Structure formats: structure tokens, C-alpha cells
């Protein structure tokens, strides 16, 4: 949703409003304020449906300051989308534009289709020309707007389910303290149902039907309703599917349980050798770098489709390679042509991605493949290979070459 020069000039002339924020610089306290503004524009409390714009290099009097807009400044602003502090990841565009004879950084933020959006566990909203924290009523408005919209599949309610299908103790003791700033939890008086709605685990405060996200993250038995919500692990003693199977397990449970069990399984089969020859001190070397396996496996779980298929995520460990297959082809901005390219990312399950970030399994968004490549190269492995079609994405991690 790129605005042309005329539209930007018009917004700039009228100054700060529910759609506009001006910052003289991106240094000092400004990075935090800019992130709060991104969060507020993504929430779009007035319900305008129009993008919000942050002008960096413009003062409160709407005049350019001459602040140098370098490539590094643009990169820092772009990192707001992927640094994991704002969840779900906001839809935003960063560019350098020439306005009033000066270079200005323009950050355009598209209203979220699944509010509320949180920055560091706080829900920021725009109230006229100023920012503030959402009240309980503001959250209710945002939740109702999400419910009325064509919401992503991962937060659609699941008919026939009730709060009894969710582990509410896990929500209160583990998930909630990670999702919200402790000060917010200490000071607000929201009910448990309102908190479940704010985290999108249920449809709304008035409709306590669990969502897909709620069942995946907090479900006592997610596969009762989502039969494909598991990881099928196979360890094969050979190089083909016809060779003997020496370990097999269906890894399921709530999101955190499944991810931790998946990590344990990868560690159990990843043999460690002690290298006493290439360094002064001993060096322990695993068959595969564990961070690479974790990143690709978590990506497969994060981006898989749950619609129109009964297929699980599959991890098949052969003697010479590991294949990790995720149901669902490329999504949104990601295509078969640009898959894996740095900076190209989209989210089939944006709220599931948020939950993985909250639980600590994701630190940043959109960098999993890059981290895996780096870890493999450092240990002398080839880059992972990706087979991408409309139905599946398969990652192949090959053993180290002799």
C-alpha cells in the first residue's frame, strides 16, 4: 500500500493525527517511540482502514530537519518488522522519499487484520495525535473488529470446543506472563476470559469458543480437533524409505510440548564426536549443527497449512541426509521463485508465529533459513536444499562431505 508523493505531502501538511507521527531523528529515545507508533497504527483503533505513516526527519512543526537518511537507518527501521518485539509481525514498508526538497524516511503501516498487536507485551493505540496504552474497552473493540473481519485461519473459532478444552493453568502461569509486560498484568483488572481474548486464544470476550491458535497452544489434546497437528519422526538405517526403520514417533501435544519434544528427538539422534587434532583443546562436533535443524523444523511447524490436508510435518532422518517436509506450499509474497531469499517473508499463520515467539522458540521473524545456512556453513556442510511446490515444502540437509 504505497502512498504517492501527493498523498504524503497532504498528510505532512496537516501534521500529527491518528494517521501521522513525525520524528526528527531515529536516535536517542526515538526508536522506542517509533515502535510504539508502528504498534498503534497496526491496531488502527479508529477503524479507518487506512495506513498510518511515520515521517523520520521531520519535526513537530512539519518541517524537514535534514537528518541524514542512510541505508543503515532504513535497515534499522525495517528491522521493526522482524525483530520479534512487535507481534504479530506488522505489515509495513520502509523507504526513503524526497519531500519538500529533503530526504525523509517514510514508514507506512497497514492496519492489522488480526488485532490487537503488541509491542513488548503492551497494546498501543492512537488517540487523535497522541499514543497511549489500550484500555479494557479499547481491547474489546479491537477483539470485536478481529472477529468481524475475514481473519487468518489460525484464529478462527473451532465449533464444538469450550474453555474446558484449554489448559487454563498453563495459560495463567506460563503463557500470560511471557505475553504481557508484568506491569500491565499487575495494574489491569481484566478477567481471564478478556485476557484469553486479547491473546486470541478464544474468539472474543463475549464468545469463549477456542480458536485454532488456542487449541494448538493451550489445548489439552489438540489432535482431537486438529488431526494433523503433529510431527512424524522417522530414523531410517539407510538412504531410502524402503530401508529399515530404527526409530519412529508421532510427536504431538500443545505447541510448547511438541516443540520441546521435537528438540529432544533431534538431540537424541545427533551424535557427538570429540575432535582432539584440529585445536589445542578438545572440540566436540555433532553430526549436524543443532541450531540449523531446530530452525528448519520450527519453520516447518510455523508455516505449515492446517487446511485441506491430514498430513503432519515429517522429519525423516537418513544415514546421509535429513528431510523436513511441511504441508502447504509458498504463501503470500513468498513464491516458488523467491523462496529462501533474504528479506522475502510472509505468514500463513501470523498468530501461531506470535505464540512461538512468546514461548521463546523464535527470537526474530524471517531469519530462520539464514541462521540455518550460517550454522551449516560454519560446520562445513552444504547449504540446505529446498524443493518447493504448491502442496509441500521439503528441506534437505545433507551430511558433511568427506
Protein backbone atom coordinates (compact mmCIF):
# COMPACT_ATOMS: atom_id res chain seq x y z
CA UNK A 1 0.00 0.00 0.00
CA UNK A 2 2.48 2.61 -1.23
CA UNK A 3 1.35 6.25 -0.99
CA UNK A 4 2.36 8.64 -3.76
CA UNK A 5 4.11 11.97 -3.16
CA UNK A 6 0.86 13.94 -3.29
CA UNK A 7 -0.74 11.78 -0.58
CA UNK A 8 2.35 12.01 1.62
CA UNK A 9 2.57 15.79 1.19
CA UNK A 10 -1.09 16.10 2.18
CA UNK A 11 -0.56 14.06 5.35
CA UNK A 12 2.57 16.04 6.19
CA UNK A 13 0.83 19.41 5.75
CA UNK A 14 -1.84 18.52 8.31
CA UNK A 15 0.71 17.28 10.87
CA UNK A 16 0.33 14.63 13.55
CA UNK A 17 -3.03 12.88 13.70
CA UNK A 18 -4.45 9.40 14.17
CA UNK A 19 -2.61 8.56 10.92
CA UNK A 20 0.61 10.56 11.20
CA UNK A 21 3.61 10.67 13.54
CA UNK A 22 6.70 12.86 12.99
CA UNK A 23 10.16 12.17 14.36
CA UNK A 24 13.16 14.49 13.96
CA UNK A 25 15.60 11.58 14.16
CA UNK A 26 15.78 7.83 14.71
CA UNK A 27 18.33 8.19 17.52
CA UNK A 28 18.03 8.54 21.29
CA UNK A 29 14.56 7.67 22.55
CA UNK A 30 13.07 7.73 19.05
CA UNK A 31 13.49 4.00 18.19
CA UNK A 32 11.21 3.03 21.08
CA UNK A 33 8.67 5.74 20.20
CA UNK A 34 8.70 4.69 16.54
CA UNK A 35 7.98 1.08 17.51
CA UNK A 36 5.11 2.21 19.73
CA UNK A 37 3.73 4.20 16.80
CA UNK A 38 4.01 1.18 14.48
CA UNK A 39 2.08 -0.89 17.02
CA UNK A 40 -0.60 1.81 17.37
CA UNK A 41 -1.04 2.23 13.61
CA UNK A 42 -1.28 -1.55 13.18
CA UNK A 43 -4.10 -1.60 15.76
CA UNK A 44 -5.97 1.24 13.97
CA UNK A 45 -8.32 1.88 16.92
CA UNK A 46 -10.45 4.43 14.96
CA UNK A 47 -11.14 1.69 12.40
CA UNK A 48 -10.24 3.89 9.44
CA UNK A 49 -8.77 1.03 7.43
CA UNK A 50 -6.14 3.50 6.19
CA UNK A 51 -2.39 3.13 6.63
CA UNK A 52 -0.55 5.13 9.26
CA UNK A 53 2.63 6.97 8.34
CA UNK A 54 5.72 7.79 10.41
CA UNK A 55 7.94 10.52 8.94
CA UNK A 56 11.52 10.30 10.22
CA UNK A 57 13.46 13.51 9.62
CA UNK A 58 10.53 15.88 10.26
CA UNK A 59 9.93 17.98 13.39
CA UNK A 60 6.65 18.70 15.19
CA UNK A 61 6.19 21.82 13.06
CA UNK A 62 6.10 19.59 9.96
CA UNK A 63 9.45 20.88 8.70
CA UNK A 64 12.26 18.60 7.45
CA UNK A 65 15.25 18.60 9.80
CA UNK A 66 17.89 17.49 7.29
CA UNK A 67 18.55 14.30 9.27
CA UNK A 68 20.67 12.02 7.06
CA UNK A 69 18.66 9.02 5.87
CA UNK A 70 21.36 6.42 5.33
CA UNK A 71 20.98 2.80 4.28
CA UNK A 72 21.74 1.83 7.88
CA UNK A 73 18.84 3.98 9.15
CA UNK A 74 16.48 2.32 6.66
CA UNK A 75 17.72 -1.11 7.73
CA UNK A 76 17.15 -0.31 11.40
CA UNK A 77 13.61 0.85 10.66
CA UNK A 78 12.94 -2.26 8.56
CA UNK A 79 14.08 -4.44 11.46
CA UNK A 80 10.95 -3.39 13.38
CA UNK A 81 9.02 -5.92 11.32
CA UNK A 82 11.28 -8.86 12.13
CA UNK A 83 12.97 -8.21 15.48
CA UNK A 84 10.27 -10.09 17.38
CA UNK A 85 9.37 -7.20 19.69
CA UNK A 86 6.12 -6.39 17.86
CA UNK A 87 3.71 -9.30 17.48
CA UNK A 88 2.10 -10.39 15.30
CA UNK A 89 4.68 -9.05 12.81
CA UNK A 90 3.29 -5.78 11.40
CA UNK A 91 2.68 -5.24 7.69
CA UNK A 92 4.85 -2.20 6.98
CA UNK A 93 7.02 -0.62 4.30
CA UNK A 94 10.15 1.50 4.76
CA UNK A 95 11.54 3.78 2.07
CA UNK A 96 13.49 6.99 1.51
CA UNK A 97 11.37 9.66 -0.20
CA UNK A 98 12.21 13.17 -1.45
CA UNK A 99 9.67 15.59 0.05
CA UNK A 100 9.96 19.37 0.27
CA UNK A 101 13.46 19.15 -1.11
CA UNK A 102 14.76 16.84 1.62
CA UNK A 103 15.26 13.12 2.01
CA UNK A 104 12.82 11.72 4.56
CA UNK A 105 12.38 8.16 5.82
CA UNK A 106 8.76 7.11 5.42
CA UNK A 107 7.39 4.15 7.40
CA UNK A 108 3.94 3.09 6.18
CA UNK A 109 2.00 0.74 8.47
CA UNK A 110 -1.02 -1.23 7.24
CA UNK A 111 -3.83 -1.90 9.76
CA UNK A 112 -3.65 -5.45 11.08
CA UNK A 113 -6.34 -7.94 10.08
CA UNK A 114 -5.90 -9.72 13.43
CA UNK A 115 -5.60 -7.09 16.18
CA UNK A 116 -4.58 -6.46 18.87
CA UNK A 117 -0.89 -6.05 18.04
CA UNK A 118 1.51 -5.78 20.99
CA UNK A 119 4.93 -4.16 21.38
CA UNK A 120 6.91 -5.57 24.31
CA UNK A 121 3.70 -7.03 25.72
CA UNK A 122 1.81 -3.71 25.60
CA UNK A 123 -1.08 -2.83 23.29
CA UNK A 124 -0.53 0.69 21.95
CA UNK A 125 -3.28 2.67 20.25
CA UNK A 126 -3.59 6.04 18.57
CA UNK A 127 -5.90 8.56 20.23
CA UNK A 128 -6.03 11.53 17.87
CA UNK A 129 -2.47 12.89 17.54
CA UNK A 130 -1.08 11.04 20.56
CA UNK A 131 -0.23 7.49 21.51
CA UNK A 132 -1.46 5.67 24.59
CA UNK A 133 -1.96 2.22 26.07
CA UNK A 134 -5.20 0.43 25.28
CA UNK A 135 -7.90 0.36 27.92
CA UNK A 136 -10.06 -2.71 28.52
CA UNK A 137 -12.72 -1.16 26.28
CA UNK A 138 -10.14 -0.47 23.56
CA UNK A 139 -9.11 -4.13 23.66
CA UNK A 140 -12.74 -5.19 23.40
CA UNK A 141 -13.16 -3.01 20.30
CA UNK A 142 -10.04 -4.49 18.70
CA UNK A 143 -11.11 -8.04 19.52
CA UNK A 144 -14.59 -7.47 18.09
CA UNK A 145 -13.11 -5.98 14.93
CA UNK A 146 -10.91 -9.05 14.51
CA UNK A 147 -13.89 -11.31 15.00
CA UNK A 148 -15.93 -9.47 12.36
CA UNK A 149 -13.17 -9.44 9.75
CA UNK A 150 -12.02 -12.19 7.42
CA UNK A 151 -9.47 -13.36 9.96
CA UNK A 152 -6.49 -15.65 9.33
CA UNK A 153 -7.21 -19.35 9.67
CA UNK A 154 -5.14 -19.69 12.84
CA UNK A 155 -7.53 -17.52 14.88
CA UNK A 156 -10.81 -18.82 13.54
CA UNK A 157 -13.02 -20.33 16.28
CA UNK A 158 -13.50 -24.10 16.36
CA UNK A 159 -17.19 -25.02 16.73
CA UNK A 160 -17.94 -27.56 19.43
CA UNK A 161 -15.00 -26.61 21.65
CA UNK A 162 -15.19 -24.94 25.05
CA UNK A 163 -12.84 -23.48 27.65
CA UNK A 164 -12.62 -26.95 29.18
CA UNK A 165 -10.52 -27.99 26.15
CA UNK A 166 -7.81 -25.47 27.12
CA UNK A 167 -5.20 -25.78 29.84
CA UNK A 168 -6.03 -22.57 31.68
CA UNK A 169 -3.41 -23.18 34.36
CA UNK A 170 -0.72 -23.25 31.66
CA UNK A 171 -2.15 -20.02 30.26
CA UNK A 172 -2.03 -18.20 33.59
CA UNK A 173 1.31 -19.50 34.86
CA UNK A 174 3.37 -19.77 31.67
CA UNK A 175 1.93 -18.07 28.59
CA UNK A 176 0.38 -14.91 30.02
CA UNK A 177 3.49 -13.69 31.93
CA UNK A 178 5.52 -14.11 28.74
CA UNK A 179 2.97 -12.38 26.51
CA UNK A 180 2.38 -9.21 28.53
CA UNK A 181 4.58 -6.74 30.33
CA UNK A 182 4.45 -7.59 34.09
CA UNK A 183 3.44 -4.03 34.94
CA UNK A 184 0.39 -4.34 32.68
CA UNK A 185 -0.67 -7.58 34.36
CA UNK A 186 -0.22 -6.05 37.82
CA UNK A 187 -2.25 -2.94 37.13
CA UNK A 188 -5.16 -4.00 34.94
CA UNK A 189 -8.29 -5.75 36.14
CA UNK A 190 -9.13 -7.78 33.06
CA UNK A 191 -10.82 -11.10 33.59
CA UNK A 192 -9.31 -14.39 32.46
CA UNK A 193 -11.74 -14.51 29.53
CA UNK A 194 -10.72 -10.99 28.46
CA UNK A 195 -7.06 -12.00 28.63
CA UNK A 196 -7.73 -15.12 26.57
CA UNK A 197 -9.47 -12.92 24.00
CA UNK A 198 -6.60 -10.40 23.95
CA UNK A 199 -4.14 -13.20 23.18
CA UNK A 200 -6.55 -14.63 20.55
CA UNK A 201 -6.93 -17.97 22.30
CA UNK A 202 -10.71 -17.57 22.14
CA UNK A 203 -12.96 -15.78 19.65
CA UNK A 204 -13.82 -12.83 21.91
CA UNK A 205 -14.74 -11.88 25.46
CA UNK A 206 -18.39 -12.48 24.51
CA UNK A 207 -17.72 -15.76 22.70
CA UNK A 208 -15.38 -18.04 24.62
CA UNK A 209 -15.07 -20.57 21.80
CA UNK A 210 -11.39 -21.58 21.49
CA UNK A 211 -9.61 -20.65 18.28
CA UNK A 212 -7.25 -22.80 16.23
CA UNK A 213 -4.42 -20.92 17.95
CA UNK A 214 -5.91 -21.59 21.38
CA UNK A 215 -6.18 -25.33 20.76
CA UNK A 216 -2.68 -25.56 19.27
CA UNK A 217 -1.07 -23.53 22.06
CA UNK A 218 -3.10 -24.45 25.14
CA UNK A 219 -5.12 -27.47 24.06
CA UNK A 220 -5.24 -30.46 26.38
CA UNK A 221 -5.47 -32.70 23.31
CA UNK A 222 -5.11 -30.64 20.10
CA UNK A 223 -5.38 -33.66 17.80
CA UNK A 224 -8.94 -34.30 18.96
CA UNK A 225 -9.89 -31.35 16.75
CA UNK A 226 -6.83 -30.87 14.50
CA UNK A 227 -5.86 -34.38 13.44
CA UNK A 228 -2.76 -33.19 11.55
CA UNK A 229 -1.26 -31.22 14.46
CA UNK A 230 1.79 -33.39 14.99
CA UNK A 231 5.29 -34.14 13.72
CA UNK A 232 6.03 -37.58 12.28
CA UNK A 233 9.64 -38.54 13.01
CA UNK A 234 11.43 -41.44 11.29
CA UNK A 235 15.04 -42.57 11.70
CA UNK A 236 15.98 -44.86 8.84
CA UNK A 237 19.11 -47.00 8.76
CA UNK A 238 19.90 -46.39 5.12
CA UNK A 239 19.35 -43.88 2.35
CA UNK A 240 15.84 -44.78 1.15
CA UNK A 241 12.36 -45.21 2.59
CA UNK A 242 12.49 -48.97 1.96
CA UNK A 243 15.44 -49.36 4.36
CA UNK A 244 14.91 -50.48 7.99
CA UNK A 245 13.29 -48.05 10.43
CA UNK A 246 15.19 -47.88 13.72
CA UNK A 247 13.09 -45.18 15.43
CA UNK A 248 9.60 -43.83 14.81
CA UNK A 249 7.47 -41.42 16.83
CA UNK A 250 4.42 -39.22 16.39
CA UNK A 251 5.30 -36.05 18.30
CA UNK A 252 2.22 -34.14 19.44
CA UNK A 253 0.80 -32.21 22.39
CA UNK A 254 0.39 -28.47 22.87
CA UNK A 255 2.69 -26.18 20.89
CA UNK A 256 5.37 -25.85 23.57
CA UNK A 257 5.29 -29.58 24.38
CA UNK A 258 5.58 -30.54 20.71
CA UNK A 259 8.47 -28.16 20.03
CA UNK A 260 10.41 -29.32 23.12
CA UNK A 261 9.86 -33.00 22.29
CA UNK A 262 10.95 -32.34 18.72
CA UNK A 263 14.16 -30.72 20.03
CA UNK A 264 14.77 -33.72 22.30
CA UNK A 265 14.36 -36.14 19.41
CA UNK A 266 16.79 -34.20 17.21
CA UNK A 267 19.35 -34.08 20.03
CA UNK A 268 18.99 -37.81 20.73
CA UNK A 269 19.95 -38.78 17.18
CA UNK A 270 22.59 -36.09 16.64
CA UNK A 271 25.78 -37.93 17.59
CA UNK A 272 28.70 -36.02 19.07
CA UNK A 273 32.33 -36.79 18.28
CA UNK A 274 35.36 -35.43 20.13
CA UNK A 275 37.99 -33.76 17.90
CA UNK A 276 41.44 -33.79 19.53
CA UNK A 277 43.51 -32.93 16.45
CA UNK A 278 42.40 -29.61 14.92
CA UNK A 279 42.69 -27.40 18.01
CA UNK A 280 44.77 -27.05 21.17
CA UNK A 281 41.80 -28.03 23.30
CA UNK A 282 39.29 -30.76 22.55
CA UNK A 283 36.35 -29.81 20.32
CA UNK A 284 33.02 -31.58 20.32
CA UNK A 285 31.42 -31.87 16.89
CA UNK A 286 27.88 -33.06 16.19
CA UNK A 287 26.78 -34.84 13.03
CA UNK A 288 24.63 -31.81 12.17
CA UNK A 289 24.64 -28.34 13.79
CA UNK A 290 21.62 -28.45 16.09
CA UNK A 291 20.61 -24.77 15.54
CA UNK A 292 20.20 -25.47 11.81
CA UNK A 293 17.94 -28.46 12.46
CA UNK A 294 15.90 -26.51 15.02
CA UNK A 295 15.41 -23.50 12.76
CA UNK A 296 14.25 -25.53 9.78
CA UNK A 297 11.99 -27.79 11.88
CA UNK A 298 10.41 -24.77 13.62
CA UNK A 299 9.92 -23.03 10.27
CA UNK A 300 8.12 -26.13 9.02
CA UNK A 301 5.76 -26.08 12.02
CA UNK A 302 5.26 -22.31 11.88
CA UNK A 303 4.43 -22.04 8.18
CA UNK A 304 2.57 -25.28 7.55
CA UNK A 305 -1.08 -25.30 6.46
CA UNK A 306 -3.74 -26.91 8.61
CA UNK A 307 -6.47 -26.56 5.98
CA UNK A 308 -7.41 -29.19 3.42
CA UNK A 309 -4.88 -31.81 4.50
CA UNK A 310 -4.39 -34.54 7.07
CA UNK A 311 -0.62 -34.55 6.57
CA UNK A 312 1.71 -33.84 9.51
CA UNK A 313 5.11 -32.20 9.40
CA UNK A 314 7.54 -35.00 8.57
CA UNK A 315 11.16 -35.31 9.73
CA UNK A 316 12.90 -38.23 8.04
CA UNK A 317 16.49 -38.87 9.14
CA UNK A 318 18.50 -40.99 6.72
CA UNK A 319 22.15 -42.03 7.06
CA UNK A 320 23.28 -39.37 4.57
CA UNK A 321 20.70 -36.59 4.97
CA UNK A 322 17.67 -35.25 6.84
CA UNK A 323 14.45 -34.33 5.03
CA UNK A 324 11.95 -31.99 6.73
CA UNK A 325 8.64 -31.69 4.90
CA UNK A 326 5.98 -29.08 5.65
CA UNK A 327 2.42 -29.35 4.25
CA UNK A 328 1.46 -26.27 2.23
CA UNK A 329 3.40 -24.53 -0.50
CA UNK A 330 4.67 -20.94 -0.51
CA UNK A 331 2.26 -18.30 0.80
CA UNK A 332 1.57 -14.63 0.03
CA UNK A 333 4.67 -12.71 -1.01
CA UNK A 334 6.72 -15.92 -0.99
CA UNK A 335 6.73 -17.82 -4.28
CA UNK A 336 8.48 -20.84 -5.73
CA UNK A 337 10.85 -18.39 -7.42
CA UNK A 338 11.91 -16.32 -4.38
CA UNK A 339 11.63 -18.94 -1.61
CA UNK A 340 14.52 -18.64 0.84
CA UNK A 341 15.69 -15.29 -0.49
CA UNK A 342 16.83 -12.88 2.24
CA UNK A 343 14.17 -10.31 3.16
CA UNK A 344 11.29 -12.14 1.46
CA UNK A 345 8.81 -13.44 4.02
CA UNK A 346 5.11 -13.83 4.67
CA UNK A 347 2.99 -15.58 7.29
CA UNK A 348 0.27 -18.12 6.66
CA UNK A 349 -0.16 -18.40 10.46
CA UNK A 350 0.83 -14.96 11.84
CA UNK A 351 -0.65 -15.59 15.28
CA UNK A 352 0.96 -19.01 15.63
CA UNK A 353 4.25 -17.27 14.81
CA UNK A 354 3.44 -14.83 17.63
CA UNK A 355 2.86 -17.70 20.06
CA UNK A 356 6.17 -19.33 19.14
CA UNK A 357 7.88 -16.00 19.82
CA UNK A 358 6.11 -15.65 23.17
CA UNK A 359 7.16 -19.18 24.18
CA UNK A 360 10.79 -18.42 23.31
CA UNK A 361 11.20 -20.69 20.28
CA UNK A 362 11.60 -17.74 17.89
CA UNK A 363 13.78 -14.68 18.59
CA UNK A 364 13.34 -12.85 15.28
CA UNK A 365 10.99 -13.28 12.35
CA UNK A 366 12.03 -14.16 8.82
CA UNK A 367 15.63 -15.19 9.57
CA UNK A 368 15.31 -18.93 10.26
CA UNK A 369 16.70 -20.06 6.91
CA UNK A 370 19.58 -17.56 7.11
CA UNK A 371 20.51 -18.82 10.59
CA UNK A 372 20.37 -22.43 9.38
CA UNK A 373 22.61 -21.65 6.39
CA UNK A 374 25.17 -19.92 8.56
CA UNK A 375 25.25 -22.77 11.10
CA UNK A 376 25.69 -25.36 8.36
CA UNK A 377 28.49 -23.44 6.63
CA UNK A 378 30.36 -22.97 9.91
CA UNK A 379 30.45 -26.75 10.37
CA UNK A 380 31.48 -27.47 6.78
CA UNK A 381 28.08 -28.54 5.44
CA UNK A 382 26.46 -27.55 2.19
CA UNK A 383 23.52 -25.13 2.23
CA UNK A 384 20.12 -26.74 2.73
CA UNK A 385 18.23 -27.60 -0.44
CA UNK A 386 14.55 -26.70 -0.83
CA UNK A 387 12.03 -28.49 -3.02
CA UNK A 388 9.06 -26.15 -3.33
CA UNK A 389 5.72 -26.86 -4.99
CA UNK A 390 2.10 -25.89 -4.38
CA UNK A 391 1.47 -28.68 -1.87
CA UNK A 392 4.67 -29.06 0.15
CA UNK A 393 8.00 -27.51 1.02
CA UNK A 394 10.78 -30.03 1.64
CA UNK A 395 14.12 -29.03 3.13
CA UNK A 396 17.05 -31.39 2.62
CA UNK A 397 20.07 -31.11 4.95
CA UNK A 398 22.90 -33.27 3.72
CA UNK A 399 25.64 -34.83 5.80
CA UNK A 400 29.07 -33.28 5.87
CA UNK A 401 31.18 -34.05 2.83
CA UNK A 402 34.35 -36.07 3.47
